[in-house]
């Protein structure tokens, strides 16, 4: 997420681990405080930023993973941030990382639950007593509804010939 940055710029401002201040904070797994313009050579700056005079970049650490980097910057004052601000941003980054990890875990659990429910519904539909054509139709309808698509196709494999046929 980015505040104050236009949507089309987001892809352009992503950096690889190790590149720039945010990339260095990511790789070194520690927060960095910048006073004044960043030196291109020291920080391996790819693009000159005229809109940053001071900044803090803090890694979003969760367990052994770095989920991203929290960046704060000021466009006009070289000494906008101090060591106290740095400590606060480090704590904020830790909290943000826990929130992001829990949101990701919740999303995975929700997807797993939906897939398990769909699998159980498909097993019931395919095990029914109506003719195969009707069971396949019901199965396709379940998949289409679950994936929120209009059409689902089911390919059956013939165990004897290995051929596949569309149903």
C-alpha atoms as a PDB file:
ATOM      1  CA  UNK A   1       0.000   0.000   0.000  1.00  0.00           C
ATOM      2  CA  UNK A   2       1.199   3.487  -0.673  1.00  0.00           C
ATOM      3  CA  UNK A   3      -0.181   6.792   0.523  1.00  0.00           C
ATOM      4  CA  UNK A   4       0.201   9.822  -1.715  1.00  0.00           C
ATOM      5  CA  UNK A   5       1.464   7.853  -4.710  1.00  0.00           C
ATOM      6  CA  UNK A   6      -0.498   7.530  -7.930  1.00  0.00           C
ATOM      7  CA  UNK A   7      -1.581   3.992  -8.825  1.00  0.00           C
ATOM      8  CA  UNK A   8       0.302   3.903 -12.157  1.00  0.00           C
ATOM      9  CA  UNK A   9       3.570   4.807 -10.398  1.00  0.00           C
ATOM     10  CA  UNK A  10       3.525   1.828  -8.045  1.00  0.00           C
ATOM     11  CA  UNK A  11       5.108  -0.589 -10.536  1.00  0.00           C
ATOM     12  CA  UNK A  12       7.769   1.969 -11.411  1.00  0.00           C
ATOM     13  CA  UNK A  13       8.866   2.544  -7.821  1.00  0.00           C
ATOM     14  CA  UNK A  14       9.365  -1.082  -6.795  1.00  0.00           C
ATOM     15  CA  UNK A  15      13.000  -1.923  -6.198  1.00  0.00           C
ATOM     16  CA  UNK A  16      14.919  -5.167  -6.015  1.00  0.00           C
ATOM     17  CA  UNK A  17      16.378  -6.307  -2.693  1.00  0.00           C
ATOM     18  CA  UNK A  18      19.622  -4.400  -2.128  1.00  0.00           C
ATOM     19  CA  UNK A  19      18.767  -1.516  -4.489  1.00  0.00           C
ATOM     20  CA  UNK A  20      18.286   1.895  -2.953  1.00  0.00           C
ATOM     21  CA  UNK A  21      17.532   2.610   0.676  1.00  0.00           C
ATOM     22  CA  UNK A  22      14.395   0.470   0.886  1.00  0.00           C
ATOM     23  CA  UNK A  23      16.163  -2.421  -0.850  1.00  0.00           C
ATOM     24  CA  UNK A  24      19.085  -2.142   1.567  1.00  0.00           C
ATOM     25  CA  UNK A  25      16.727  -2.083   4.589  1.00  0.00           C
ATOM     26  CA  UNK A  26      15.110  -5.233   3.144  1.00  0.00           C
ATOM     27  CA  UNK A  27      18.408  -7.108   2.683  1.00  0.00           C
ATOM     28  CA  UNK A  28      20.065  -5.927   5.909  1.00  0.00           C
ATOM     29  CA  UNK A  29      16.876  -6.531   7.907  1.00  0.00           C
ATOM     30  CA  UNK A  30      17.298  -3.259   9.792  1.00  0.00           C
ATOM     31  CA  UNK A  31      15.761   0.201   9.712  1.00  0.00           C
ATOM     32  CA  UNK A  32      17.712   2.999   8.052  1.00  0.00           C
ATOM     33  CA  UNK A  33      17.527   6.738   8.774  1.00  0.00           C
ATOM     34  CA  UNK A  34      18.479   9.195   6.033  1.00  0.00           C
ATOM     35  CA  UNK A  35      19.276  12.887   6.559  1.00  0.00           C
ATOM     36  CA  UNK A  36      19.566  14.825   3.296  1.00  0.00           C
ATOM     37  CA  UNK A  37      19.764  13.511  -0.250  1.00  0.00           C
ATOM     38  CA  UNK A  38      20.854   9.909  -0.668  1.00  0.00           C
ATOM     39  CA  UNK A  39      24.305   9.379  -2.181  1.00  0.00           C
ATOM     40  CA  UNK A  40      23.848   7.456  -5.459  1.00  0.00           C
ATOM     41  CA  UNK A  41      26.988   5.337  -5.021  1.00  0.00           C
ATOM     42  CA  UNK A  42      26.571   4.478  -1.328  1.00  0.00           C
ATOM     43  CA  UNK A  43      22.906   3.492  -1.621  1.00  0.00           C
ATOM     44  CA  UNK A  44      22.964   2.115  -5.201  1.00  0.00           C
ATOM     45  CA  UNK A  45      20.225   4.550  -6.203  1.00  0.00           C
ATOM     46  CA  UNK A  46      18.619   3.675  -9.541  1.00  0.00           C
ATOM     47  CA  UNK A  47      16.533   6.851  -9.852  1.00  0.00           C
ATOM     48  CA  UNK A  48      17.308  10.256  -8.409  1.00  0.00           C
ATOM     49  CA  UNK A  49      14.523  11.416  -6.077  1.00  0.00           C
ATOM     50  CA  UNK A  50      14.184  15.196  -5.839  1.00  0.00           C
ATOM     51  CA  UNK A  51      11.176  14.824  -3.557  1.00  0.00           C
ATOM     52  CA  UNK A  52      13.043  13.191  -0.620  1.00  0.00           C
ATOM     53  CA  UNK A  53      15.189  15.166   1.810  1.00  0.00           C
ATOM     54  CA  UNK A  54      14.899  12.803   4.770  1.00  0.00           C
ATOM     55  CA  UNK A  55      13.560   9.290   5.134  1.00  0.00           C
ATOM     56  CA  UNK A  56      13.179   6.190   7.240  1.00  0.00           C
ATOM     57  CA  UNK A  57      13.016   2.717   5.697  1.00  0.00           C
ATOM     58  CA  UNK A  58      12.131  -0.136   8.054  1.00  0.00           C
ATOM     59  CA  UNK A  59      11.832  -3.802   7.083  1.00  0.00           C
ATOM     60  CA  UNK A  60       8.557  -5.577   7.821  1.00  0.00           C
ATOM     61  CA  UNK A  61       9.979  -8.600   9.663  1.00  0.00           C
ATOM     62  CA  UNK A  62       7.853 -11.598  10.573  1.00  0.00           C
ATOM     63  CA  UNK A  63       9.772 -14.588  11.855  1.00  0.00           C
ATOM     64  CA  UNK A  64      12.499 -15.371   9.358  1.00  0.00           C
ATOM     65  CA  UNK A  65      10.764 -13.514   6.500  1.00  0.00           C
ATOM     66  CA  UNK A  66      10.938  -9.913   5.368  1.00  0.00           C
ATOM     67  CA  UNK A  67       7.476  -9.127   3.981  1.00  0.00           C
ATOM     68  CA  UNK A  68       8.348  -5.698   2.635  1.00  0.00           C
ATOM     69  CA  UNK A  69       9.570  -2.292   3.732  1.00  0.00           C
ATOM     70  CA  UNK A  70       7.791   0.603   5.421  1.00  0.00           C
ATOM     71  CA  UNK A  71       9.023   3.906   3.981  1.00  0.00           C
ATOM     72  CA  UNK A  72       8.446   7.388   5.344  1.00  0.00           C
ATOM     73  CA  UNK A  73       9.879  10.442   3.660  1.00  0.00           C
ATOM     74  CA  UNK A  74       9.811  14.216   3.847  1.00  0.00           C
ATOM     75  CA  UNK A  75      10.331  16.388   0.796  1.00  0.00           C
ATOM     76  CA  UNK A  76      11.728  19.569   2.381  1.00  0.00           C
ATOM     77  CA  UNK A  77      13.495  19.064   5.720  1.00  0.00           C
ATOM     78  CA  UNK A  78      16.846  17.253   5.892  1.00  0.00           C
ATOM     79  CA  UNK A  79      16.486  16.405   9.577  1.00  0.00           C
ATOM     80  CA  UNK A  80      12.770  15.696   9.735  1.00  0.00           C
ATOM     81  CA  UNK A  81      13.292  12.345  11.465  1.00  0.00           C
ATOM     82  CA  UNK A  82      15.456  11.530  14.489  1.00  0.00           C
ATOM     83  CA  UNK A  83      16.469   8.410  16.438  1.00  0.00           C
ATOM     84  CA  UNK A  84      13.214   8.476  18.429  1.00  0.00           C
ATOM     85  CA  UNK A  85      11.249   8.501  15.170  1.00  0.00           C
ATOM     86  CA  UNK A  86      13.393   5.625  13.956  1.00  0.00           C
ATOM     87  CA  UNK A  87      12.556   3.517  17.038  1.00  0.00           C
ATOM     88  CA  UNK A  88       8.851   4.334  16.652  1.00  0.00           C
ATOM     89  CA  UNK A  89       8.870   3.338  12.962  1.00  0.00           C
ATOM     90  CA  UNK A  90      10.679   0.086  13.810  1.00  0.00           C
ATOM     91  CA  UNK A  91       7.912  -0.779  16.301  1.00  0.00           C
ATOM     92  CA  UNK A  92       5.259   0.234  13.774  1.00  0.00           C
ATOM     93  CA  UNK A  93       6.914  -1.958  11.121  1.00  0.00           C
ATOM     94  CA  UNK A  94       6.875  -4.945  13.502  1.00  0.00           C
ATOM     95  CA  UNK A  95       3.168  -4.412  14.151  1.00  0.00           C
ATOM     96  CA  UNK A  96       2.453  -3.968  10.430  1.00  0.00           C
ATOM     97  CA  UNK A  97       4.338  -7.190   9.652  1.00  0.00           C
ATOM     98  CA  UNK A  98       2.250  -9.146  12.164  1.00  0.00           C
ATOM     99  CA  UNK A  99      -0.953  -7.682  10.714  1.00  0.00           C
ATOM    100  CA  UNK A 100       0.106  -8.541   7.148  1.00  0.00           C
ATOM    101  CA  UNK A 101       1.110 -12.077   8.145  1.00  0.00           C
ATOM    102  CA  UNK A 102      -2.216 -12.658   9.907  1.00  0.00           C
ATOM    103  CA  UNK A 103      -4.165 -11.267   6.956  1.00  0.00           C
ATOM    104  CA  UNK A 104      -2.227 -13.571   4.619  1.00  0.00           C
ATOM    105  CA  UNK A 105      -2.853 -16.539   6.924  1.00  0.00           C
ATOM    106  CA  UNK A 106      -6.555 -15.706   7.101  1.00  0.00           C
ATOM    107  CA  UNK A 107      -6.727 -15.509   3.299  1.00  0.00           C
ATOM    108  CA  UNK A 108      -5.054 -18.914   2.957  1.00  0.00           C
ATOM    109  CA  UNK A 109      -7.402 -20.466   5.514  1.00  0.00           C
ATOM    110  CA  UNK A 110     -10.415 -18.992   3.739  1.00  0.00           C
ATOM    111  CA  UNK A 111      -9.253 -20.312   0.345  1.00  0.00           C
ATOM    112  CA  UNK A 112      -8.516 -23.749   1.835  1.00  0.00           C
ATOM    113  CA  UNK A 113     -11.949 -23.835   3.449  1.00  0.00           C
ATOM    114  CA  UNK A 114     -13.636 -22.910   0.172  1.00  0.00           C
ATOM    115  CA  UNK A 115     -11.665 -25.558  -1.728  1.00  0.00           C
ATOM    116  CA  UNK A 116     -12.489 -28.221   0.864  1.00  0.00           C
ATOM    117  CA  UNK A 117     -16.184 -27.304   0.680  1.00  0.00           C
ATOM    118  CA  UNK A 118     -16.111 -27.449  -3.140  1.00  0.00           C
ATOM    119  CA  UNK A 119     -14.312 -30.798  -3.071  1.00  0.00           C
ATOM    120  CA  UNK A 120     -16.955 -32.257  -0.747  1.00  0.00           C
ATOM    121  CA  UNK A 121     -19.760 -30.901  -2.958  1.00  0.00           C
ATOM    122  CA  UNK A 122     -18.113 -32.379  -6.073  1.00  0.00           C
ATOM    123  CA  UNK A 123     -17.706 -35.770  -4.412  1.00  0.00           C
ATOM    124  CA  UNK A 124     -21.421 -35.763  -3.510  1.00  0.00           C
ATOM    125  CA  UNK A 125     -22.448 -34.667  -7.001  1.00  0.00           C
ATOM    126  CA  UNK A 126     -20.315 -37.286  -8.735  1.00  0.00           C
ATOM    127  CA  UNK A 127     -21.378 -40.068  -6.347  1.00  0.00           C
ATOM    128  CA  UNK A 128     -25.082 -39.444  -6.963  1.00  0.00           C
ATOM    129  CA  UNK A 129     -27.426 -41.970  -8.516  1.00  0.00           C
ATOM    130  CA  UNK A 130     -28.581 -39.976 -11.546  1.00  0.00           C
ATOM    131  CA  UNK A 131     -27.110 -40.653 -15.003  1.00  0.00           C
ATOM    132  CA  UNK A 132     -23.484 -39.610 -15.574  1.00  0.00           C
ATOM    133  CA  UNK A 133     -24.474 -36.721 -17.847  1.00  0.00           C
ATOM    134  CA  UNK A 134     -26.545 -35.143 -15.046  1.00  0.00           C
ATOM    135  CA  UNK A 135     -23.806 -35.667 -12.445  1.00  0.00           C
ATOM    136  CA  UNK A 136     -21.232 -34.050 -14.742  1.00  0.00           C
ATOM    137  CA  UNK A 137     -23.574 -31.144 -15.432  1.00  0.00           C
ATOM    138  CA  UNK A 138     -24.060 -30.602 -11.681  1.00  0.00           C
ATOM    139  CA  UNK A 139     -20.294 -30.809 -11.122  1.00  0.00           C
ATOM    140  CA  UNK A 140     -19.588 -28.200 -13.799  1.00  0.00           C
ATOM    141  CA  UNK A 141     -22.257 -25.944 -12.325  1.00  0.00           C
ATOM    142  CA  UNK A 142     -20.615 -26.204  -8.884  1.00  0.00           C
ATOM    143  CA  UNK A 143     -17.176 -25.355 -10.274  1.00  0.00           C
ATOM    144  CA  UNK A 144     -18.520 -22.449 -12.350  1.00  0.00           C
ATOM    145  CA  UNK A 145     -20.389 -21.031  -9.369  1.00  0.00           C
ATOM    146  CA  UNK A 146     -17.437 -21.456  -7.023  1.00  0.00           C
ATOM    147  CA  UNK A 147     -15.013 -19.777  -9.432  1.00  0.00           C
ATOM    148  CA  UNK A 148     -17.618 -17.185 -10.434  1.00  0.00           C
ATOM    149  CA  UNK A 149     -17.327 -18.027 -14.104  1.00  0.00           C
ATOM    150  CA  UNK A 150     -20.024 -18.783 -16.659  1.00  0.00           C
ATOM    151  CA  UNK A 151     -18.755 -22.018 -18.138  1.00  0.00           C
ATOM    152  CA  UNK A 152     -16.835 -24.955 -16.726  1.00  0.00           C
ATOM    153  CA  UNK A 153     -15.659 -27.952 -18.741  1.00  0.00           C
ATOM    154  CA  UNK A 154     -14.887 -31.358 -17.339  1.00  0.00           C
ATOM    155  CA  UNK A 155     -12.444 -33.656 -19.139  1.00  0.00           C
ATOM    156  CA  UNK A 156     -12.643 -37.352 -18.317  1.00  0.00           C
ATOM    157  CA  UNK A 157      -9.752 -39.720 -18.811  1.00  0.00           C
ATOM    158  CA  UNK A 158     -10.438 -43.252 -20.038  1.00  0.00           C
ATOM    159  CA  UNK A 159      -8.221 -45.510 -17.901  1.00  0.00           C
ATOM    160  CA  UNK A 160      -7.982 -48.147 -20.634  1.00  0.00           C
ATOM    161  CA  UNK A 161      -7.039 -45.935 -23.584  1.00  0.00           C
ATOM    162  CA  UNK A 162      -5.678 -42.851 -21.805  1.00  0.00           C
ATOM    163  CA  UNK A 163      -7.868 -40.751 -24.088  1.00  0.00           C
ATOM    164  CA  UNK A 164      -9.609 -37.726 -22.697  1.00  0.00           C
ATOM    165  CA  UNK A 165     -13.101 -36.625 -23.588  1.00  0.00           C
ATOM    166  CA  UNK A 166     -14.961 -33.411 -22.909  1.00  0.00           C
ATOM    167  CA  UNK A 167     -18.149 -33.554 -20.917  1.00  0.00           C
END
